[in-house]
Amino acid sequence: TGNASSVISGRLSYALGLQGPAVTVDTACSSSLVALHLAANALRQGECEVALAGGVTVMSTPALFVEFSRLKGMAEDGRCKSFSAAADGAGWAEGAGVLVLKRLSAAERDGDQVLAVIRGSAVNQDGRSQGLTAPNGPSQQRVVRAALEAARLTPADIDAIEAHGTGTSLGDPIEAGALAEVFGPGRSGDRPVWLGSSKSNIGHAQAAAGVVGVIKMVLALQHETLPKTLHADEPSPHIAWEDSGLALLQESRAWGRDGRRPRRAGVSSFGLSGTNAHVVIEEPPARNTLPAAEEDSTVPMPVVVSGQGEEALRAQAGRWASWLSERTDVSLADVAVTAARHRSQLASRAGVVASDINGLVEGLSA
């Protein structure tokens, strides 16, 4: 079972005690974005309350290096030169990334820190085209347009694209051409869609590439900066940049907040198998910045502790008491909410009513 990829998602669910849909996705390079698409749909349909979506690639043998070297599909220096005139093949990498997903209303209700919002996503397939592994421009156009439609947005609403950008002289021009068809018409020359790829930074992480791209754009939102794409001092001459509506991120650019509309980015991931995925992410809604009301220490609050049997319950209460006795700055209200909403309610339960942390520690110790 340790060698079966189907067991990866089951093993995680087993270790974490998760009981919702557990699916291992293999669509080659687009796997993690396809997983993200499926997880978002599962949340919308109520199949689970929280979802973990991501991807991992471990290169445990040299087979991929050997075979792609024979195909002359690998960069000689091992670096992905996305959309660069020097693009000469892929540079492989290992990687892993996981996103925690919830419905926005549930995350706001639970007081979670929302890092970004998935506005829309789409998945499609090249079908019968010029070759199984060859990129297909029309299919790439369709998947981007479908994701925008799912997000109820237009191309003009997108600021940046985290592209697939493997750094090949064939794939990059096809991808840029497809993006130009979507975003070029009617685009103002002083507001292009900024184009980049994390593969220039860390290499092509294959099944993890899509989730890495999402994480990169979430960090870009947080730092209000679109990072530079490396190894692209001279843009590819095989791409018609003029009037394309695209501009290569040859330098980092400020990506500050605009009070008129949220910042948004698209993330693309295209599988060697022909399965394409695109996700539109958006900056989170502004949080309420009003100062929180001071906790009223005169109001008693119930804190629920549970365990599998009386002995486990007493052990759990003891651990809580020990932990809280060393942290006098902890909010009693936060402890009560966490105990009620975010911990399993097991068979044996006990409630402690207290007005402050010291009283809670005494009750748990008793």
Protein backbone atom coordinates (compact mmCIF):
# COMPACT_ATOMS: atom_id res chain seq x y z
CA THR A 1 0.00 0.00 0.00
CA GLY A 2 2.91 2.36 0.51
CA ASN A 3 3.60 2.38 -3.23
CA ALA A 4 0.00 2.98 -4.35
CA SER A 5 -0.70 6.63 -5.18
CA SER A 6 -4.40 5.98 -4.48
CA VAL A 7 -3.53 5.52 -0.82
CA ILE A 8 -2.00 9.01 -0.40
CA SER A 9 -5.31 10.78 0.22
CA GLY A 10 -6.62 7.85 2.26
CA ARG A 11 -3.55 7.83 4.48
CA LEU A 12 -3.95 11.57 5.20
CA SER A 13 -7.63 11.10 6.02
CA TYR A 14 -6.76 8.12 8.24
CA ALA A 15 -4.07 10.04 10.11
CA LEU A 16 -6.19 13.15 10.60
CA GLY A 17 -9.54 11.42 11.18
CA LEU A 18 -11.21 13.02 8.15
CA GLN A 19 -14.37 11.44 6.75
CA GLY A 20 -15.27 13.54 3.71
CA PRO A 21 -14.37 12.74 0.09
CA ALA A 22 -10.75 11.55 -0.18
CA VAL A 23 -9.50 11.60 -3.76
CA THR A 24 -6.01 11.17 -5.20
CA VAL A 25 -5.81 13.05 -8.51
CA ASP A 26 -3.29 12.26 -11.24
CA THR A 27 -3.53 14.50 -14.29
CA ALA A 28 0.26 15.01 -14.37
CA CYS A 29 1.29 18.68 -14.04
CA SER A 30 -2.27 19.96 -13.48
CA SER A 31 -3.05 17.52 -10.64
CA SER A 32 -3.08 19.95 -7.71
CA LEU A 33 -5.22 22.57 -9.47
CA VAL A 34 -7.68 19.85 -10.50
CA ALA A 35 -7.75 18.76 -6.84
CA LEU A 36 -8.43 22.38 -5.82
CA HIS A 37 -11.31 22.55 -8.32
CA LEU A 38 -12.82 19.31 -6.98
CA ALA A 39 -12.41 20.42 -3.36
CA ALA A 40 -14.15 23.74 -4.01
CA ASN A 41 -17.06 21.89 -5.62
CA ALA A 42 -17.26 19.49 -2.66
CA LEU A 43 -17.55 22.46 -0.30
CA ARG A 44 -20.24 24.10 -2.41
CA GLN A 45 -22.24 20.86 -2.47
CA GLY A 46 -21.98 20.40 1.29
CA GLU A 47 -19.96 17.17 1.08
CA CYS A 48 -17.58 18.54 3.73
CA GLU A 49 -17.12 21.59 5.94
CA VAL A 50 -13.35 21.92 5.50
CA ALA A 51 -11.18 20.61 2.67
CA LEU A 52 -7.46 20.08 2.23
CA ALA A 53 -6.30 20.41 -1.38
CA GLY A 54 -2.77 20.24 -2.65
CA GLY A 55 -0.11 18.27 -4.41
CA VAL A 56 3.25 16.62 -3.88
CA THR A 57 6.05 15.40 -6.12
CA VAL A 58 8.97 13.31 -4.88
CA MET A 59 11.51 12.30 -7.52
CA SER A 60 12.69 9.04 -6.03
CA THR A 61 14.38 7.81 -9.23
CA PRO A 62 16.34 9.59 -12.00
CA ALA A 63 14.04 8.24 -14.73
CA LEU A 64 12.46 11.60 -15.64
CA PHE A 65 15.83 13.30 -15.96
CA VAL A 66 17.14 10.53 -18.18
CA GLU A 67 14.13 10.31 -20.47
CA PHE A 68 13.67 14.06 -20.92
CA SER A 69 17.37 14.45 -21.61
CA ARG A 70 16.98 11.89 -24.40
CA LEU A 71 14.01 13.85 -25.73
CA LYS A 72 16.06 17.08 -25.49
CA GLY A 73 13.23 18.51 -23.40
CA MET A 74 15.34 19.53 -20.39
CA ALA A 75 17.13 22.82 -19.89
CA GLU A 76 20.88 22.25 -19.92
CA ASP A 77 21.36 24.28 -16.74
CA GLY A 78 18.25 22.83 -15.05
CA ARG A 79 16.43 26.18 -14.90
CA CYS A 80 12.97 27.00 -16.28
CA LYS A 81 13.30 30.20 -18.32
CA SER A 82 9.60 31.00 -18.58
CA PHE A 83 8.67 33.18 -21.60
CA SER A 84 12.33 33.99 -22.16
CA ALA A 85 14.29 34.16 -25.38
CA ALA A 86 16.70 31.74 -23.69
CA ALA A 87 14.00 29.13 -23.00
CA ASP A 88 15.50 25.72 -23.71
CA GLY A 89 13.40 23.21 -21.77
CA ALA A 90 12.04 22.28 -18.37
CA GLY A 91 13.92 22.18 -15.09
CA TRP A 92 12.43 19.56 -12.77
CA ALA A 93 11.84 20.04 -9.05
CA GLU A 94 10.30 18.32 -6.09
CA GLY A 95 7.68 20.13 -4.07
CA ALA A 96 4.65 19.98 -1.83
CA GLY A 97 1.88 22.38 -0.93
CA VAL A 98 -1.50 22.16 0.80
CA LEU A 99 -4.33 24.68 1.05
CA VAL A 100 -7.04 24.71 3.72
CA LEU A 101 -10.40 25.57 2.16
CA LYS A 102 -13.71 26.57 3.71
CA ARG A 103 -16.81 28.32 2.45
CA LEU A 104 -16.25 32.05 2.91
CA SER A 105 -19.35 32.44 5.07
CA ALA A 106 -18.17 29.63 7.37
CA ALA A 107 -14.65 31.07 7.63
CA GLU A 108 -16.02 34.51 8.55
CA ARG A 109 -18.42 32.95 11.06
CA ASP A 110 -15.58 31.06 12.73
CA GLY A 111 -13.27 34.06 12.85
CA ASP A 112 -10.66 32.47 10.55
CA GLN A 113 -8.01 34.56 8.85
CA VAL A 114 -8.98 34.46 5.19
CA LEU A 115 -5.91 34.71 2.94
CA ALA A 116 -7.69 34.69 -0.43
CA VAL A 117 -10.97 33.77 -2.09
CA ILE A 118 -11.41 31.29 -4.94
CA ARG A 119 -13.76 33.15 -7.27
CA GLY A 120 -13.98 30.45 -9.92
CA SER A 121 -12.25 27.47 -11.47
CA ALA A 122 -12.51 25.23 -14.50
CA VAL A 123 -11.02 22.01 -15.90
CA ASN A 124 -11.04 20.72 -19.47
CA GLN A 125 -9.16 18.42 -21.85
CA ASP A 126 -7.35 18.93 -25.16
CA GLY A 127 -9.15 15.99 -26.73
CA ARG A 128 -7.97 14.84 -30.16
CA SER A 129 -5.35 17.43 -31.07
CA GLN A 130 -1.93 17.68 -32.68
CA GLY A 131 -0.48 15.26 -30.14
CA LEU A 132 -1.23 13.80 -26.70
CA THR A 133 1.51 15.74 -24.91
CA ALA A 134 1.57 18.85 -27.13
CA PRO A 135 -0.02 22.01 -25.64
CA ASN A 136 -3.31 23.04 -27.24
CA GLY A 137 -3.97 26.79 -27.49
CA PRO A 138 -7.75 26.68 -28.17
CA SER A 139 -8.30 24.37 -25.17
CA GLN A 140 -6.25 26.70 -22.97
CA GLN A 141 -8.40 29.62 -24.10
CA ARG A 142 -11.57 27.69 -23.29
CA VAL A 143 -10.50 26.72 -19.78
CA VAL A 144 -9.54 30.32 -18.92
CA ARG A 145 -12.83 31.65 -20.27
CA ALA A 146 -14.77 28.96 -18.37
CA ALA A 147 -13.06 29.89 -15.09
CA LEU A 148 -13.86 33.58 -15.67
CA GLU A 149 -17.47 32.67 -16.40
CA ALA A 150 -17.66 30.59 -13.21
CA ALA A 151 -16.25 33.58 -11.32
CA ARG A 152 -18.78 35.92 -12.99
CA LEU A 153 -15.89 38.12 -14.14
CA THR A 154 -14.58 39.52 -17.41
CA PRO A 155 -10.96 39.50 -18.64
CA ALA A 156 -10.71 43.18 -17.68
CA ASP A 157 -11.14 42.18 -13.99
CA ILE A 158 -7.84 40.25 -13.87
CA ASP A 159 -4.55 41.94 -12.93
CA ALA A 160 -2.03 39.11 -13.27
CA ILE A 161 -1.60 35.55 -14.50
CA GLU A 162 0.55 32.96 -12.78
CA ALA A 163 1.18 30.96 -15.91
CA HIS A 164 2.10 27.34 -16.53
CA GLY A 165 5.28 28.68 -18.16
CA THR A 166 7.47 25.59 -18.37
CA GLY A 167 10.20 27.41 -20.28
CA THR A 168 10.00 25.55 -23.58
CA SER A 169 10.22 27.19 -26.99
CA LEU A 170 6.99 25.44 -28.04
CA GLY A 171 4.78 25.58 -24.94
CA ASP A 172 5.39 29.17 -23.82
CA PRO A 173 4.41 30.84 -27.13
CA ILE A 174 1.27 28.70 -27.37
CA GLU A 175 0.27 29.63 -23.82
CA ALA A 176 1.01 33.33 -24.30
CA GLY A 177 -0.95 33.30 -27.57
CA ALA A 178 -3.97 31.75 -25.84
CA LEU A 179 -3.83 34.31 -23.03
CA ALA A 180 -3.53 37.13 -25.56
CA GLU A 181 -6.71 35.92 -27.28
CA VAL A 182 -8.57 36.08 -23.96
CA PHE A 183 -7.10 39.21 -22.38
CA GLY A 184 -5.84 41.24 -25.34
CA PRO A 185 -9.04 42.51 -26.98
CA GLY A 186 -10.01 45.90 -25.55
CA ARG A 187 -7.17 45.90 -23.02
CA SER A 188 -5.67 49.31 -22.34
CA GLY A 189 -1.97 49.50 -23.13
CA ASP A 190 -1.22 51.15 -19.78
CA ARG A 191 -2.85 48.30 -17.85
CA PRO A 192 -1.58 44.98 -19.18
CA VAL A 193 -2.06 41.60 -17.57
CA TRP A 194 1.22 40.92 -15.78
CA LEU A 195 2.62 37.52 -16.65
CA GLY A 196 4.94 35.36 -14.54
CA SER A 197 5.66 31.80 -13.45
CA SER A 198 6.96 30.34 -10.20
CA LYS A 199 8.75 27.67 -12.23
CA SER A 200 11.44 30.25 -12.91
CA ASN A 201 12.02 30.43 -9.15
CA ILE A 202 11.85 26.83 -7.98
CA GLY A 203 11.60 24.71 -11.12
CA HIS A 204 8.71 22.60 -12.38
CA ALA A 205 7.29 20.79 -9.34
CA GLN A 206 4.96 18.76 -11.58
CA ALA A 207 1.95 17.54 -9.54
CA ALA A 208 2.61 20.31 -6.98
CA ALA A 209 3.09 23.06 -9.59
CA GLY A 210 -0.50 24.34 -9.51
CA VAL A 211 -0.80 24.68 -5.74
CA VAL A 212 2.65 26.32 -5.65
CA GLY A 213 1.33 28.92 -8.12
CA VAL A 214 -1.70 29.60 -5.93
CA ILE A 215 0.48 29.98 -2.83
CA LYS A 216 2.74 32.39 -4.73
CA MET A 217 -0.20 34.62 -5.71
CA VAL A 218 -1.65 34.55 -2.18
CA LEU A 219 1.73 35.76 -0.91
CA ALA A 220 1.77 38.40 -3.66
CA LEU A 221 -1.59 39.67 -2.38
CA GLN A 222 -0.28 39.78 1.19
CA HIS A 223 2.97 41.56 0.29
CA GLU A 224 1.24 43.79 -2.29
CA THR A 225 3.97 42.92 -4.80
CA LEU A 226 4.00 40.92 -8.04
CA PRO A 227 7.39 39.18 -7.92
CA LYS A 228 9.88 39.18 -10.75
CA THR A 229 10.04 36.21 -13.12
CA LEU A 230 13.65 35.08 -13.29
CA HIS A 231 15.88 34.26 -16.30
CA ALA A 232 13.78 36.42 -18.65
CA ASP A 233 16.01 39.41 -19.34
CA GLU A 234 14.97 39.16 -22.97
CA PRO A 235 11.34 38.15 -23.65
CA SER A 236 10.73 35.35 -26.13
CA PRO A 237 10.81 36.58 -29.74
CA HIS A 238 8.31 33.82 -30.61
CA ILE A 239 5.58 35.71 -28.72
CA ALA A 240 3.80 38.71 -30.27
CA TRP A 241 3.97 40.93 -27.18
CA GLU A 242 2.82 44.13 -28.86
CA ASP A 243 -0.95 44.66 -28.56
CA SER A 244 -1.25 41.30 -26.79
CA GLY A 245 -2.53 42.79 -23.54
CA LEU A 246 0.29 40.93 -21.75
CA ALA A 247 3.50 42.15 -20.15
CA LEU A 248 6.25 39.96 -18.71
CA LEU A 249 7.21 40.57 -15.09
CA GLN A 250 10.87 41.30 -15.73
CA GLU A 251 10.94 43.32 -12.50
CA SER A 252 8.91 43.18 -9.30
CA ARG A 253 5.93 45.53 -9.35
CA ALA A 254 3.82 47.05 -6.61
CA TRP A 255 0.34 45.51 -6.42
CA GLY A 256 -1.38 47.80 -3.96
CA ARG A 257 -4.98 47.71 -2.92
CA ASP A 258 -7.51 49.57 -5.03
CA GLY A 259 -10.57 50.81 -3.18
CA ARG A 260 -12.65 50.53 -6.35
CA ARG A 261 -12.32 46.75 -6.81
CA PRO A 262 -10.51 43.71 -5.38
CA ARG A 263 -7.17 42.54 -6.79
CA ARG A 264 -7.45 39.32 -8.77
CA ALA A 265 -5.16 36.82 -10.46
CA GLY A 266 -5.52 33.73 -12.59
CA VAL A 267 -3.43 30.58 -12.09
CA SER A 268 -2.96 28.10 -14.92
CA SER A 269 -1.74 24.51 -14.89
CA PHE A 270 -1.69 22.27 -17.95
CA GLY A 271 -1.08 18.54 -17.66
CA LEU A 272 1.15 16.45 -19.88
CA SER A 273 -1.94 14.24 -20.20
CA GLY A 274 -3.88 17.06 -21.87
CA THR A 275 -5.95 18.00 -18.81
CA ASN A 276 -5.97 21.79 -18.27
CA ALA A 277 -7.01 23.74 -15.17
CA HIS A 278 -7.39 27.43 -14.35
CA VAL A 279 -8.30 29.07 -11.05
CA VAL A 280 -9.24 32.70 -10.37
CA ILE A 281 -8.27 33.98 -6.93
CA GLU A 282 -9.23 37.27 -5.32
CA GLU A 283 -8.04 39.24 -2.33
CA PRO A 284 -10.18 38.60 0.76
CA PRO A 285 -12.86 41.06 1.84
CA ALA A 286 -11.68 43.68 4.30
CA ARG A 287 -11.99 42.55 7.90
CA ASN A 288 -13.71 44.62 10.53
CA THR A 289 -10.95 46.73 12.04
CA LEU A 290 -13.00 48.09 14.92
CA PRO A 291 -11.38 47.35 18.31
CA ALA A 292 -12.86 44.28 19.95
CA ALA A 293 -14.86 44.85 23.07
CA GLU A 294 -13.00 44.05 26.26
CA GLU A 295 -13.87 40.72 27.78
CA ASP A 296 -16.26 41.06 30.70
CA SER A 297 -14.58 39.04 33.44
CA THR A 298 -17.75 39.03 35.55
CA VAL A 299 -19.69 36.88 33.06
CA PRO A 300 -19.19 33.13 33.65
CA MET A 301 -18.59 30.98 30.58
CA PRO A 302 -18.99 27.23 30.12
CA VAL A 303 -16.00 25.31 28.78
CA VAL A 304 -16.72 21.76 27.57
CA VAL A 305 -14.06 19.03 27.82
CA SER A 306 -14.58 15.53 26.46
CA GLY A 307 -12.77 12.21 26.16
CA GLN A 308 -13.22 8.55 25.27
CA GLY A 309 -14.19 7.37 28.73
CA GLU A 310 -13.87 8.75 32.26
CA GLU A 311 -10.12 8.17 32.54
CA ALA A 312 -9.40 9.89 29.21
CA LEU A 313 -11.65 12.79 30.21
CA ARG A 314 -9.71 13.37 33.44
CA ALA A 315 -6.41 13.16 31.55
CA GLN A 316 -7.65 15.69 29.01
CA ALA A 317 -8.77 18.09 31.74
CA GLY A 318 -5.39 17.75 33.41
CA ARG A 319 -3.55 18.61 30.20
CA TRP A 320 -5.74 21.65 29.70
CA ALA A 321 -5.17 22.82 33.27
CA SER A 322 -1.40 22.41 32.95
CA TRP A 323 -1.29 24.29 29.64
CA LEU A 324 -3.55 27.15 30.76
CA SER A 325 -1.79 27.64 34.11
CA GLU A 326 1.30 28.79 32.20
CA ARG A 327 -0.62 31.19 29.96
CA THR A 328 -2.44 33.79 32.00
CA ASP A 329 -2.95 36.05 28.95
CA VAL A 330 -5.26 33.58 27.19
CA SER A 331 -8.83 34.76 26.60
CA LEU A 332 -11.45 32.70 28.40
CA ALA A 333 -13.93 33.45 25.60
CA ASP A 334 -11.49 32.09 22.99
CA VAL A 335 -10.98 28.90 25.01
CA ALA A 336 -14.74 28.42 25.35
CA VAL A 337 -15.34 28.89 21.60
CA THR A 338 -12.49 26.56 20.64
CA ALA A 339 -13.70 23.85 23.00
CA ALA A 340 -17.28 24.09 21.74
CA ARG A 341 -16.73 24.48 17.99
CA HIS A 342 -13.35 23.12 17.06
CA ARG A 343 -12.80 20.00 19.17
CA SER A 344 -14.47 16.62 18.83
CA GLN A 345 -17.34 16.06 21.24
CA LEU A 346 -16.50 12.59 22.54
CA ALA A 347 -18.59 10.21 24.64
CA SER A 348 -17.58 11.35 28.16
CA ARG A 349 -18.02 15.08 28.76
CA ALA A 350 -17.70 17.58 31.55
CA GLY A 351 -18.36 21.30 31.72
CA VAL A 352 -16.51 23.88 33.79
CA VAL A 353 -18.16 27.26 34.34
CA ALA A 354 -15.66 30.01 35.12
CA SER A 355 -15.34 33.79 35.05
CA ASP A 356 -11.61 33.87 34.32
CA ILE A 357 -8.70 31.62 33.37
CA ASN A 358 -7.68 31.03 36.99
CA GLY A 359 -11.16 29.80 37.81
CA LEU A 360 -11.11 27.54 34.75
CA VAL A 361 -7.75 26.04 35.79
CA GLU A 362 -9.12 25.35 39.31
CA GLY A 363 -12.23 23.70 37.86
CA LEU A 364 -10.24 21.52 35.47
CA SER A 365 -7.81 20.51 38.22
CA ALA A 366 -10.70 19.43 40.43
